[in-house]
Amino acid sequence: MHWLQACVLAGATAVGVNPTRRGADLHRDIGTPTARCWSRAGPAAATGRCRFPQRLLVVDDPGYAELLAPYRDAPPPAAMPGPGTRMLLTFTSGSTGAPKAVVCTQRRLALAGDKLREQFGLTAADTGYACMPLFHGNALMGLWSPMLLAGGTVALRRRFSASHFLADIRAHRAGYFTYVGRAVSYLLATEPRPDDTESPLRLGFGTEAGAVDAARFEARFGCRLVEGYGSSEGGCNLRQDPAAPPGAVGRTGGRAGDDLAVVDPATGAECPRSRFDRHGRLLNGAEAIGELVNRTARSGFEGYWRNPEAGAARLRDGWYWTGDLFHRDADGWFRFAGRAEDWLRVDSENLAVADIENILARWERARAVAVYAVPDPVAGDQVMAAVEPRVPLSDGGGAAAELAELCGSLSVFLAAQPDLGTKMPPRFVRLVRRMPVTATHKTARSVLRAERWHTADPVLWRPYRRGPGPEPYRPLTTEDRERLRRLFAEHGRREPAGADSAPEHLPDSGVGSA
């Protein structure tokens, strides 16, 4: 907090480094901005080979106050930095690849914070609770900036804790907090108490909670969650609207003049509007799902630090390309369908990852769900899901009877969902001890995609077969894996090798090794 506010006044740049990264990845992060000083020695020492001139200021050191004492009454600079001054380098989350350092000026940070301050009516009397890390835009733009501009109070926790969340909220009288979806699922996994609604909490703002978890959170804690959409790069965001139907994120851009559209990434043509049946099932995903773009020449994207190639990939033909899949209905509501890397095409039909996840999240046996594409032995993709069971499996990965019962429960549940399309049921369901996440608590789908069914975790699957009706779920065996390998070979397709390509920069997730 001290560094951030000093950078505002000095015109310096704050760089948020993910402390869970190690080795070459961490060394690259530190070297990206050519850092000159650090607030803590730990991350720098972790690389073992830093060569940067550093001035260390350890803010929780006992000598910190004494060190700053001579400057206690120092006046602000005579010339204040302009709004175009670079204020932050904030790294992308790394959920789909190596993080990139996004440039953020004081103007962008102030505009983002002021929009939320006004929208949520934040004042000097409010306290915002920061349980997300301050190296990421979730806490910086969603909480620190609006609270600073409102003159309010920020309550900090060193790291997220689901078990201490409500006690912290009460102790600091916090009415507002920011989140990501996985943090919400962890909070819902704590033991319910009769007094859960007795707190000053009134509003949470974040992303990826899902309609099911948002409804459960409000029912249990008496706090409304407002879902937003915005990229770390700032090139596109959707304005939150209380009138949004279930599953919709927004209808208009967050800035005046934004021109948002869902387009076919191959042709650039705008996709047809999405249509639904009476159960809410998407009928025309093959034509309606595309990439969300901002077609205005003045997007909020200010570039990646010393990475012009990546910046050029975002800005093509005068448009900002988000890399996220959406579809848009006849009334203009945008609905998130997944990341571009999560594109699902089963039997020539495009499927929305987010839609399948929202359905699976209703299963009473699931605490957390992630859906992603795995290759089909013949062509295209198959649906795979990772599920963290609400009741952990017994030691050893689950007894045969336990897995058989889960197979039956899942089959009955899926058969009862009226909005589940025929191509949407997962071919494979991996039962993880804990869902893998990045340091910002986003689901690490890149790890799951890389490992596929090559894992020590139990995997349920529906075998390929000819004939009417789906095959029931059963545990995947070593013999099944060998049959899958042969099936890929028969059709001239190379079966993925497993977890060899999984990124190394993620924190320990508790997922079984490949």
Protein backbone atom coordinates (compact mmCIF):
# COMPACT_ATOMS: atom_id res chain seq x y z
CA MET A 1 0.00 0.00 0.00
CA HIS A 2 2.85 2.40 0.83
CA TRP A 3 4.62 1.65 -2.44
CA LEU A 4 1.45 2.14 -4.50
CA GLN A 5 0.61 5.53 -3.06
CA ALA A 6 4.23 6.67 -3.21
CA CYS A 7 4.32 5.75 -6.89
CA VAL A 8 1.23 7.87 -7.53
CA LEU A 9 2.97 10.94 -6.15
CA ALA A 10 6.43 10.23 -7.55
CA GLY A 11 5.41 9.20 -11.04
CA ALA A 12 7.15 5.87 -10.53
CA THR A 13 5.88 2.46 -11.64
CA ALA A 14 4.74 -0.25 -9.24
CA VAL A 15 5.29 -3.81 -10.42
CA GLY A 16 3.30 -6.59 -8.78
CA VAL A 17 5.24 -9.85 -8.74
CA ASN A 18 3.50 -13.14 -8.04
CA PRO A 19 5.32 -14.61 -5.00
CA THR A 20 4.34 -18.19 -5.87
CA ARG A 21 6.46 -18.18 -9.03
CA ARG A 22 9.91 -19.73 -8.89
CA GLY A 23 13.10 -20.25 -10.87
CA ALA A 24 13.34 -19.02 -14.45
CA ASP A 25 9.73 -17.77 -14.45
CA LEU A 26 10.29 -15.53 -11.43
CA HIS A 27 13.64 -14.36 -12.77
CA ARG A 28 11.93 -13.34 -16.03
CA ASP A 29 9.21 -11.43 -14.14
CA ILE A 30 11.74 -9.52 -12.09
CA GLY A 31 13.86 -8.77 -15.15
CA THR A 32 10.94 -7.61 -17.29
CA PRO A 33 10.71 -4.16 -15.71
CA THR A 34 14.42 -3.90 -14.72
CA ALA A 35 13.44 -3.49 -11.09
CA ARG A 36 15.42 -1.12 -8.90
CA CYS A 37 13.88 -1.74 -5.51
CA TRP A 38 11.86 -4.32 -3.60
CA SER A 39 9.48 -4.19 -0.68
CA ARG A 40 10.57 -7.64 0.51
CA ALA A 41 13.77 -9.61 -0.03
CA GLY A 42 12.08 -13.02 -0.30
CA PRO A 43 11.11 -13.15 -4.00
CA ALA A 44 14.46 -11.74 -5.12
CA ALA A 45 16.39 -14.28 -3.08
CA ALA A 46 14.26 -17.15 -4.42
CA THR A 47 15.82 -16.97 -7.90
CA GLY A 48 19.34 -17.36 -6.60
CA ARG A 49 20.73 -15.44 -9.58
CA CYS A 50 19.36 -11.90 -9.57
CA ARG A 51 21.73 -9.29 -10.96
CA PHE A 52 19.54 -6.20 -10.59
CA PRO A 53 20.61 -3.18 -8.53
CA GLN A 54 18.10 -3.30 -5.69
CA ARG A 55 17.29 -1.11 -2.74
CA LEU A 56 15.45 -3.29 -0.27
CA LEU A 57 12.72 -1.83 1.90
CA VAL A 58 11.18 -4.52 4.09
CA VAL A 59 7.97 -2.87 5.23
CA ASP A 60 7.33 -5.15 8.20
CA ASP A 61 10.89 -4.75 9.51
CA PRO A 62 11.09 -3.10 12.98
CA GLY A 63 13.41 -0.43 11.57
CA TYR A 64 10.93 0.64 8.89
CA ALA A 65 9.36 3.48 10.88
CA GLU A 66 12.76 4.76 11.99
CA LEU A 67 14.01 4.73 8.41
CA LEU A 68 11.11 6.88 7.22
CA ALA A 69 10.98 9.19 10.25
CA PRO A 70 13.01 12.01 8.61
CA TYR A 71 10.46 12.20 5.80
CA ARG A 72 7.32 12.22 7.95
CA ASP A 73 6.39 15.84 7.05
CA ALA A 74 7.77 15.83 3.51
CA PRO A 75 5.59 17.87 1.13
CA PRO A 76 4.23 16.36 -2.10
CA PRO A 77 6.31 16.89 -5.24
CA ALA A 78 6.27 20.41 -6.69
CA ALA A 79 5.24 19.03 -10.09
CA MET A 80 2.64 16.27 -9.97
CA PRO A 81 2.76 13.45 -12.54
CA GLY A 82 0.32 13.71 -15.44
CA PRO A 83 -2.54 11.26 -16.04
CA GLY A 84 -0.61 9.52 -18.82
CA THR A 85 2.21 8.55 -16.43
CA ARG A 86 2.81 4.81 -16.26
CA MET A 87 1.63 3.70 -12.83
CA LEU A 88 1.54 -0.10 -12.90
CA LEU A 89 2.91 -3.14 -14.61
CA THR A 90 0.43 -5.83 -13.68
CA PHE A 91 0.93 -9.35 -14.96
CA THR A 92 -1.86 -11.31 -16.62
CA SER A 93 -3.13 -14.21 -14.54
CA GLY A 94 -1.26 -16.96 -16.34
CA SER A 95 -4.37 -19.16 -16.49
CA THR A 96 -3.79 -19.85 -20.21
CA GLY A 97 -0.05 -19.24 -20.69
CA ALA A 98 3.00 -17.35 -19.51
CA PRO A 99 1.94 -14.08 -17.80
CA LYS A 100 2.61 -10.83 -19.68
CA ALA A 101 3.25 -7.43 -18.06
CA VAL A 102 0.36 -5.08 -18.87
CA VAL A 103 1.01 -1.34 -18.89
CA CYS A 104 -1.46 0.71 -16.84
CA THR A 105 -1.34 4.51 -16.58
CA GLN A 106 -2.64 6.64 -13.73
CA ARG A 107 -5.51 7.68 -16.00
CA ARG A 108 -6.70 4.13 -16.58
CA LEU A 109 -6.44 3.21 -12.91
CA ALA A 110 -8.34 6.33 -11.83
CA LEU A 111 -11.11 5.90 -14.42
CA ALA A 112 -11.62 2.24 -13.47
CA GLY A 113 -11.76 3.07 -9.77
CA ASP A 114 -14.03 6.06 -10.15
CA LYS A 115 -16.52 4.09 -12.23
CA LEU A 116 -16.89 1.50 -9.47
CA ARG A 117 -16.94 4.15 -6.73
CA GLU A 118 -19.89 5.84 -8.42
CA GLN A 119 -21.68 2.66 -9.44
CA PHE A 120 -21.60 1.10 -5.98
CA GLY A 121 -22.02 4.36 -4.03
CA LEU A 122 -18.79 3.92 -2.06
CA THR A 123 -18.02 6.71 0.41
CA ALA A 124 -15.50 7.64 3.10
CA ALA A 125 -17.63 5.72 5.59
CA ASP A 126 -17.07 2.41 3.75
CA THR A 127 -14.48 -0.28 4.38
CA GLY A 128 -13.42 -2.60 1.58
CA TYR A 129 -11.97 -6.02 2.39
CA ALA A 130 -9.02 -7.15 0.25
CA CYS A 131 -8.62 -10.91 0.41
CA MET A 132 -7.09 -11.12 -3.08
CA PRO A 133 -3.38 -10.39 -3.68
CA LEU A 134 -2.35 -6.79 -4.40
CA PHE A 135 -0.13 -7.76 -7.31
CA HIS A 136 -3.22 -8.35 -9.46
CA GLY A 137 -5.83 -6.06 -11.00
CA ASN A 138 -8.70 -7.66 -9.10
CA ALA A 139 -7.63 -5.99 -5.86
CA LEU A 140 -5.95 -2.95 -7.41
CA MET A 141 -8.69 -1.78 -9.78
CA GLY A 142 -11.69 -3.35 -8.13
CA LEU A 143 -10.94 -2.37 -4.53
CA TRP A 144 -7.86 -0.23 -3.84
CA SER A 145 -8.54 2.43 -6.49
CA PRO A 146 -12.28 2.96 -5.78
CA MET A 147 -11.69 3.01 -2.01
CA LEU A 148 -8.81 5.50 -2.40
CA LEU A 149 -10.97 7.80 -4.52
CA ALA A 150 -13.89 7.46 -2.07
CA GLY A 151 -11.64 8.27 0.90
CA GLY A 152 -12.66 5.00 2.50
CA THR A 153 -10.74 2.31 4.37
CA VAL A 154 -9.04 -0.83 3.03
CA ALA A 155 -8.73 -3.87 5.30
CA LEU A 156 -5.90 -6.17 4.23
CA ARG A 157 -5.28 -9.85 4.85
CA ARG A 158 -1.85 -11.20 4.00
CA ARG A 159 -3.35 -14.16 2.16
CA PHE A 160 -6.84 -15.45 1.43
CA SER A 161 -8.45 -17.53 4.18
CA ALA A 162 -11.94 -18.95 3.80
CA SER A 163 -12.16 -19.87 7.49
CA HIS A 164 -11.25 -16.33 8.65
CA PHE A 165 -13.27 -14.44 6.05
CA LEU A 166 -16.43 -13.73 8.02
CA ALA A 167 -14.54 -12.96 11.23
CA ASP A 168 -12.43 -10.40 9.36
CA ILE A 169 -15.52 -8.84 7.78
CA ARG A 170 -17.10 -8.38 11.21
CA ALA A 171 -13.93 -7.16 12.90
CA HIS A 172 -13.31 -4.44 10.33
CA ARG A 173 -16.98 -3.64 9.60
CA ALA A 174 -16.39 -4.24 5.89
CA GLY A 175 -19.39 -3.91 3.59
CA TYR A 176 -17.61 -4.44 0.24
CA PHE A 177 -15.12 -6.99 -1.06
CA THR A 178 -13.71 -8.26 -4.34
CA TYR A 179 -13.43 -11.90 -5.36
CA VAL A 180 -12.76 -14.44 -8.08
CA GLY A 181 -15.01 -17.45 -8.55
CA ARG A 182 -12.80 -20.03 -6.89
CA ALA A 183 -12.60 -17.96 -3.69
CA VAL A 184 -16.40 -17.91 -3.54
CA SER A 185 -16.52 -21.70 -3.85
CA TYR A 186 -14.03 -22.02 -0.97
CA LEU A 187 -16.21 -19.77 1.19
CA LEU A 188 -19.27 -21.86 0.39
CA ALA A 189 -17.34 -25.00 1.34
CA THR A 190 -16.88 -23.83 4.94
CA GLU A 191 -19.23 -25.21 7.58
CA PRO A 192 -22.51 -23.21 7.63
CA ARG A 193 -23.41 -21.39 10.85
CA PRO A 194 -26.76 -20.01 12.01
CA ASP A 195 -25.32 -16.47 12.17
CA ASP A 196 -23.78 -16.40 8.67
CA THR A 197 -26.07 -13.53 7.61
CA GLU A 198 -25.14 -11.41 10.64
CA SER A 199 -22.44 -9.17 9.20
CA PRO A 200 -22.12 -5.72 7.58
CA LEU A 201 -21.31 -7.32 4.21
CA ARG A 202 -23.61 -5.99 1.48
CA LEU A 203 -21.79 -6.27 -1.86
CA GLY A 204 -19.10 -8.32 -3.60
CA PHE A 205 -17.64 -7.50 -7.00
CA GLY A 206 -15.67 -9.94 -9.13
CA THR A 207 -15.68 -12.53 -11.89
CA GLU A 208 -16.37 -16.19 -12.61
CA ALA A 209 -18.49 -17.02 -9.58
CA GLY A 210 -21.21 -18.60 -11.72
CA ALA A 211 -24.95 -18.18 -11.31
CA VAL A 212 -25.32 -21.17 -8.97
CA ASP A 213 -22.58 -20.13 -6.54
CA ALA A 214 -23.72 -16.48 -6.62
CA ALA A 215 -27.24 -17.50 -5.61
CA ARG A 216 -25.93 -19.79 -2.87
CA PHE A 217 -23.67 -17.04 -1.54
CA GLU A 218 -26.47 -14.49 -1.34
CA ALA A 219 -28.82 -16.97 0.33
CA ARG A 220 -26.24 -17.95 2.94
CA PHE A 221 -24.45 -14.65 3.67
CA GLY A 222 -27.11 -12.11 2.67
CA CYS A 223 -24.65 -10.44 0.28
CA ARG A 224 -25.23 -9.80 -3.42
CA LEU A 225 -22.42 -10.65 -5.83
CA VAL A 226 -22.09 -8.43 -8.90
CA GLU A 227 -20.38 -10.18 -11.79
CA GLY A 228 -18.22 -8.08 -14.07
CA TYR A 229 -16.24 -8.76 -17.19
CA GLY A 230 -13.00 -6.98 -17.97
CA SER A 231 -9.63 -8.03 -19.29
CA SER A 232 -6.40 -7.32 -17.39
CA GLU A 233 -5.33 -5.40 -20.49
CA GLY A 234 -8.22 -2.93 -20.20
CA GLY A 235 -9.19 -3.14 -23.85
CA CYS A 236 -12.72 -4.32 -23.21
CA ASN A 237 -15.15 -4.49 -20.32
CA LEU A 238 -18.88 -4.89 -19.98
CA ARG A 239 -21.04 -2.57 -17.93
CA GLN A 240 -22.81 -4.38 -15.11
CA ASP A 241 -26.60 -4.17 -15.25
CA PRO A 242 -28.97 -5.33 -12.46
CA ALA A 243 -31.55 -6.15 -15.14
CA ALA A 244 -29.31 -8.80 -16.73
CA PRO A 245 -31.01 -12.20 -17.16
CA PRO A 246 -29.39 -15.27 -15.57
CA GLY A 247 -26.11 -16.14 -17.26
CA ALA A 248 -25.69 -12.75 -18.95
CA VAL A 249 -22.74 -10.50 -18.14
CA GLY A 250 -23.78 -7.19 -19.68
CA ARG A 251 -25.19 -5.50 -22.75
CA THR A 252 -22.94 -2.47 -23.36
CA GLY A 253 -19.29 -1.55 -23.01
CA GLY A 254 -17.93 0.14 -19.93
CA ARG A 255 -16.76 3.28 -21.77
CA ALA A 256 -18.59 5.74 -23.97
CA GLY A 257 -17.96 4.94 -27.60
CA ASP A 258 -17.19 1.26 -27.12
CA ASP A 259 -18.38 -0.89 -30.02
CA LEU A 260 -18.47 -4.49 -28.80
CA ALA A 261 -19.32 -7.46 -31.00
CA VAL A 262 -19.01 -11.24 -31.15
CA VAL A 263 -17.21 -12.19 -34.35
CA ASP A 264 -15.96 -15.26 -36.16
CA PRO A 265 -12.17 -15.12 -35.53
CA ALA A 266 -11.48 -16.68 -38.95
CA THR A 267 -13.46 -14.16 -41.01
CA GLY A 268 -14.07 -11.17 -38.71
CA ALA A 269 -17.77 -11.31 -39.59
CA GLU A 270 -20.24 -10.72 -36.77
CA CYS A 271 -21.83 -13.93 -35.51
CA PRO A 272 -25.62 -14.45 -35.61
CA ARG A 273 -27.46 -13.84 -32.34
CA SER A 274 -27.84 -16.84 -30.04
CA ARG A 275 -31.18 -18.63 -29.71
CA PHE A 276 -32.49 -20.76 -26.84
CA ASP A 277 -35.21 -23.32 -26.34
CA ARG A 278 -37.78 -23.09 -23.53
CA HIS A 279 -35.35 -24.78 -21.13
CA GLY A 280 -32.63 -22.19 -21.79
CA ARG A 281 -30.52 -24.54 -23.94
CA LEU A 282 -28.39 -22.84 -26.59
CA LEU A 283 -29.65 -24.00 -29.99
CA ASN A 284 -27.16 -22.50 -32.44
CA GLY A 285 -23.78 -22.58 -30.73
CA ALA A 286 -21.98 -23.56 -33.95
CA GLU A 287 -22.77 -20.20 -35.52
CA ALA A 288 -23.36 -17.96 -32.49
CA ILE A 289 -20.18 -18.50 -30.44
CA GLY A 290 -17.24 -16.32 -31.40
CA GLU A 291 -14.58 -14.01 -30.00
CA LEU A 292 -15.52 -10.80 -28.21
CA VAL A 293 -13.90 -7.74 -29.81
CA ASN A 294 -13.95 -4.01 -29.23
CA ARG A 295 -14.22 -2.38 -32.64
CA THR A 296 -13.55 1.15 -31.45
CA ALA A 297 -10.19 2.61 -32.42
CA ARG A 298 -9.84 3.95 -28.87
CA SER A 299 -9.76 0.94 -26.60
CA GLY A 300 -8.27 1.15 -23.12
CA PHE A 301 -5.39 -1.20 -23.94
CA GLU A 302 -2.06 0.54 -23.28
CA GLY A 303 0.23 -2.27 -24.38
CA TYR A 304 2.43 -4.97 -22.93
CA TRP A 305 5.77 -3.91 -21.48
CA ARG A 306 8.51 -4.53 -24.06
CA ASN A 307 6.42 -7.16 -25.85
CA PRO A 308 5.21 -5.57 -29.12
CA GLU A 309 4.47 -8.95 -30.73
CA ALA A 310 1.94 -9.84 -28.04
CA GLY A 311 0.46 -6.33 -28.24
CA ALA A 312 0.06 -6.62 -32.00
CA ALA A 313 -1.82 -9.89 -31.54
CA ARG A 314 -4.33 -8.05 -29.34
CA LEU A 315 -4.76 -5.10 -31.70
CA ARG A 316 -5.52 -6.35 -35.20
CA ASP A 317 -7.21 -4.44 -38.00
CA GLY A 318 -7.97 -1.59 -35.63
CA TRP A 319 -9.89 -3.85 -33.21
CA TYR A 320 -9.06 -5.11 -29.75
CA TRP A 321 -9.38 -8.92 -29.60
CA THR A 322 -10.11 -10.21 -26.09
CA GLY A 323 -9.25 -13.87 -26.63
CA ASP A 324 -12.53 -14.75 -24.88
CA LEU A 325 -15.51 -16.58 -26.35
CA PHE A 326 -19.01 -15.13 -26.07
CA HIS A 327 -22.39 -15.29 -27.70
CA ARG A 328 -24.98 -12.50 -27.80
CA ASP A 329 -28.74 -13.00 -27.66
CA ALA A 330 -31.50 -11.21 -29.59
CA ASP A 331 -31.88 -8.60 -26.82
CA GLY A 332 -28.20 -7.71 -26.95
CA TRP A 333 -27.02 -9.49 -23.77
CA PHE A 334 -23.48 -10.87 -23.92
CA ARG A 335 -22.91 -14.30 -22.39
CA PHE A 336 -19.46 -15.65 -21.56
CA ALA A 337 -18.66 -18.98 -23.26
CA GLY A 338 -15.05 -19.55 -22.19
CA ARG A 339 -11.50 -18.59 -23.07
CA ALA A 340 -10.32 -18.92 -26.65
CA GLU A 341 -8.10 -21.78 -25.48
CA ASP A 342 -11.24 -23.48 -24.11
CA TRP A 343 -12.94 -23.66 -27.49
CA LEU A 344 -15.05 -26.83 -27.61
CA ARG A 345 -16.17 -28.34 -30.90
CA VAL A 346 -17.89 -31.71 -30.55
CA ASP A 347 -19.27 -33.40 -33.67
CA SER A 348 -18.98 -30.07 -35.54
CA GLU A 349 -21.01 -28.27 -32.86
CA ASN A 350 -19.53 -25.36 -30.90
CA LEU A 351 -20.20 -25.62 -27.16
CA ALA A 352 -19.89 -22.99 -24.45
CA VAL A 353 -17.64 -24.16 -21.62
CA ALA A 354 -19.32 -21.73 -19.22
CA ASP A 355 -22.78 -23.17 -19.97
CA ILE A 356 -21.65 -26.72 -19.17
CA GLU A 357 -19.93 -25.59 -15.99
CA ASN A 358 -23.05 -23.79 -14.78
CA ILE A 359 -25.06 -26.96 -15.25
CA LEU A 360 -22.51 -29.23 -13.53
CA ALA A 361 -22.29 -26.77 -10.63
CA ARG A 362 -25.86 -27.76 -9.71
CA TRP A 363 -24.76 -31.33 -8.91
CA GLU A 364 -25.07 -31.64 -5.15
CA ARG A 365 -21.92 -33.80 -5.04
CA ALA A 366 -19.70 -31.09 -6.60
CA ARG A 367 -17.86 -28.41 -4.63
CA ALA A 368 -15.99 -26.99 -7.66
CA VAL A 369 -16.16 -27.67 -11.39
CA ALA A 370 -13.97 -26.91 -14.40
CA VAL A 371 -14.77 -27.89 -18.00
CA TYR A 372 -12.25 -28.02 -20.84
CA ALA A 373 -11.65 -29.64 -24.23
CA VAL A 374 -9.65 -32.80 -24.80
CA PRO A 375 -8.99 -34.29 -28.25
CA ASP A 376 -11.33 -36.85 -29.76
CA PRO A 377 -9.66 -39.95 -31.27
CA VAL A 378 -11.45 -39.37 -34.58
CA ALA A 379 -11.94 -35.61 -35.02
CA GLY A 380 -12.55 -32.46 -33.02
CA ASP A 381 -12.93 -32.42 -29.25
CA GLN A 382 -14.56 -34.21 -26.38
CA VAL A 383 -15.82 -32.61 -23.18
CA MET A 384 -13.83 -33.26 -20.01
CA ALA A 385 -14.62 -31.95 -16.54
CA ALA A 386 -12.64 -31.78 -13.33
CA VAL A 387 -14.82 -32.03 -10.24
CA GLU A 388 -13.77 -31.45 -6.67
CA PRO A 389 -16.22 -33.58 -4.65
CA ARG A 390 -18.02 -31.90 -1.78
CA VAL A 391 -17.21 -34.95 0.37
CA PRO A 392 -13.55 -35.95 -0.19
CA LEU A 393 -12.87 -39.42 -1.50
CA SER A 394 -11.50 -42.00 0.88
CA ASP A 395 -7.74 -42.58 1.10
CA GLY A 396 -6.29 -44.25 -1.95
CA GLY A 397 -8.43 -42.32 -4.43
CA GLY A 398 -11.81 -43.85 -3.70
CA ALA A 399 -12.95 -47.43 -3.20
CA ALA A 400 -14.68 -49.26 -6.03
CA ALA A 401 -18.09 -49.01 -4.38
CA GLU A 402 -17.55 -45.30 -3.73
CA LEU A 403 -16.68 -44.61 -7.38
CA ALA A 404 -19.57 -46.74 -8.61
CA GLU A 405 -21.98 -44.73 -6.47
CA LEU A 406 -20.61 -41.47 -7.88
CA CYS A 407 -20.99 -42.79 -11.42
CA GLY A 408 -24.65 -43.54 -10.77
CA SER A 409 -25.29 -40.20 -9.07
CA LEU A 410 -23.69 -38.27 -11.95
CA SER A 411 -25.66 -40.16 -14.59
CA VAL A 412 -28.98 -39.56 -12.80
CA PHE A 413 -28.17 -35.88 -12.30
CA LEU A 414 -27.24 -35.24 -15.94
CA ALA A 415 -30.32 -37.05 -17.22
CA ALA A 416 -32.52 -34.70 -15.17
CA GLN A 417 -31.08 -31.42 -16.56
CA PRO A 418 -33.48 -30.00 -19.17
CA ASP A 419 -30.95 -27.47 -20.54
CA LEU A 420 -28.17 -30.04 -21.10
CA GLY A 421 -27.69 -30.53 -24.83
CA THR A 422 -26.94 -33.95 -26.25
CA LYS A 423 -23.29 -33.06 -26.96
CA MET A 424 -22.66 -31.42 -23.57
CA PRO A 425 -22.32 -34.31 -21.06
CA PRO A 426 -18.61 -34.81 -20.25
CA ARG A 427 -16.96 -37.82 -21.80
CA PHE A 428 -14.41 -37.80 -18.93
CA VAL A 429 -14.83 -36.61 -15.33
CA ARG A 430 -11.68 -36.26 -13.25
CA LEU A 431 -12.15 -36.28 -9.46
CA VAL A 432 -9.53 -33.93 -8.01
CA ARG A 433 -8.63 -33.60 -4.35
CA ARG A 434 -8.48 -29.83 -4.84
CA MET A 435 -9.04 -27.77 -7.95
CA PRO A 436 -5.74 -26.40 -9.33
CA VAL A 437 -5.64 -22.61 -9.27
CA THR A 438 -3.31 -19.79 -10.18
CA ALA A 439 -2.06 -17.40 -7.51
CA THR A 440 -5.11 -15.21 -8.15
CA HIS A 441 -7.43 -18.19 -7.47
CA LYS A 442 -8.47 -18.64 -11.08
CA THR A 443 -8.87 -22.21 -12.26
CA ALA A 444 -5.65 -23.41 -13.92
CA ARG A 445 -7.25 -25.07 -16.92
CA SER A 446 -3.92 -25.20 -18.74
CA VAL A 447 -2.73 -27.77 -16.17
CA LEU A 448 -5.91 -29.82 -16.52
CA ARG A 449 -5.85 -29.69 -20.32
CA ALA A 450 -2.22 -30.79 -20.40
CA GLU A 451 -2.75 -33.77 -18.08
CA ARG A 452 -6.08 -34.90 -19.56
CA TRP A 453 -6.78 -38.47 -18.42
CA HIS A 454 -3.07 -39.17 -17.70
CA THR A 455 -3.38 -38.69 -13.96
CA ALA A 456 -3.31 -40.62 -10.71
CA ASP A 457 -6.67 -39.07 -9.81
CA PRO A 458 -9.76 -41.25 -10.38
CA VAL A 459 -11.37 -40.58 -13.76
CA LEU A 460 -14.94 -41.52 -14.63
CA TRP A 461 -15.81 -41.89 -18.29
CA ARG A 462 -18.41 -42.93 -20.80
CA PRO A 463 -16.74 -45.40 -23.21
CA TYR A 464 -17.14 -44.89 -26.94
CA ARG A 465 -19.70 -47.24 -28.40
CA ARG A 466 -22.07 -47.73 -31.30
CA GLY A 467 -25.76 -48.06 -30.62
CA PRO A 468 -28.67 -46.13 -29.11
CA GLY A 469 -28.33 -44.16 -25.89
CA PRO A 470 -25.24 -43.04 -23.99
CA GLU A 471 -22.93 -45.49 -22.26
CA PRO A 472 -23.16 -45.17 -18.45
CA TYR A 473 -20.20 -43.76 -16.52
CA ARG A 474 -17.61 -46.11 -15.06
CA PRO A 475 -14.05 -45.70 -13.71
CA LEU A 476 -11.31 -45.38 -16.35
CA THR A 477 -8.82 -48.24 -16.06
CA THR A 478 -5.28 -48.85 -17.28
CA GLU A 479 -6.73 -51.10 -19.98
CA ASP A 480 -9.09 -48.29 -21.02
CA ARG A 481 -6.15 -45.90 -21.41
CA GLU A 482 -4.39 -48.43 -23.63
CA ARG A 483 -7.55 -48.86 -25.73
CA LEU A 484 -7.76 -45.08 -26.12
CA ARG A 485 -4.13 -45.00 -27.27
CA ARG A 486 -4.87 -47.63 -29.91
CA LEU A 487 -8.02 -45.79 -30.99
CA PHE A 488 -6.00 -42.63 -31.64
CA ALA A 489 -3.48 -44.67 -33.64
CA GLU A 490 -6.18 -46.37 -35.72
CA HIS A 491 -7.44 -42.99 -36.87
CA GLY A 492 -4.01 -41.55 -37.52
CA ARG A 493 -4.19 -39.05 -34.68
CA ARG A 494 -1.42 -38.56 -32.16
CA GLU A 495 -2.62 -39.02 -28.60
CA PRO A 496 -1.42 -36.21 -26.31
CA ALA A 497 1.47 -37.25 -24.11
CA GLY A 498 0.00 -36.05 -20.83
CA ALA A 499 1.34 -33.47 -18.42
CA ASP A 500 4.70 -32.81 -20.10
CA SER A 501 3.52 -29.44 -21.41
CA ALA A 502 1.95 -28.25 -18.17
CA PRO A 503 3.23 -24.80 -17.15
CA GLU A 504 5.66 -24.62 -14.26
CA HIS A 505 4.63 -21.28 -12.82
CA LEU A 506 1.54 -22.37 -10.92
CA PRO A 507 1.39 -22.84 -7.15
CA ASP A 508 1.06 -26.30 -5.66
CA SER A 509 -2.49 -27.28 -6.49
CA GLY A 510 -2.82 -30.60 -4.71
CA VAL A 511 -3.67 -32.30 -8.01
CA GLY A 512 -2.47 -35.86 -8.45
CA SER A 513 0.69 -36.26 -10.51
CA ALA A 514 0.58 -37.66 -14.03
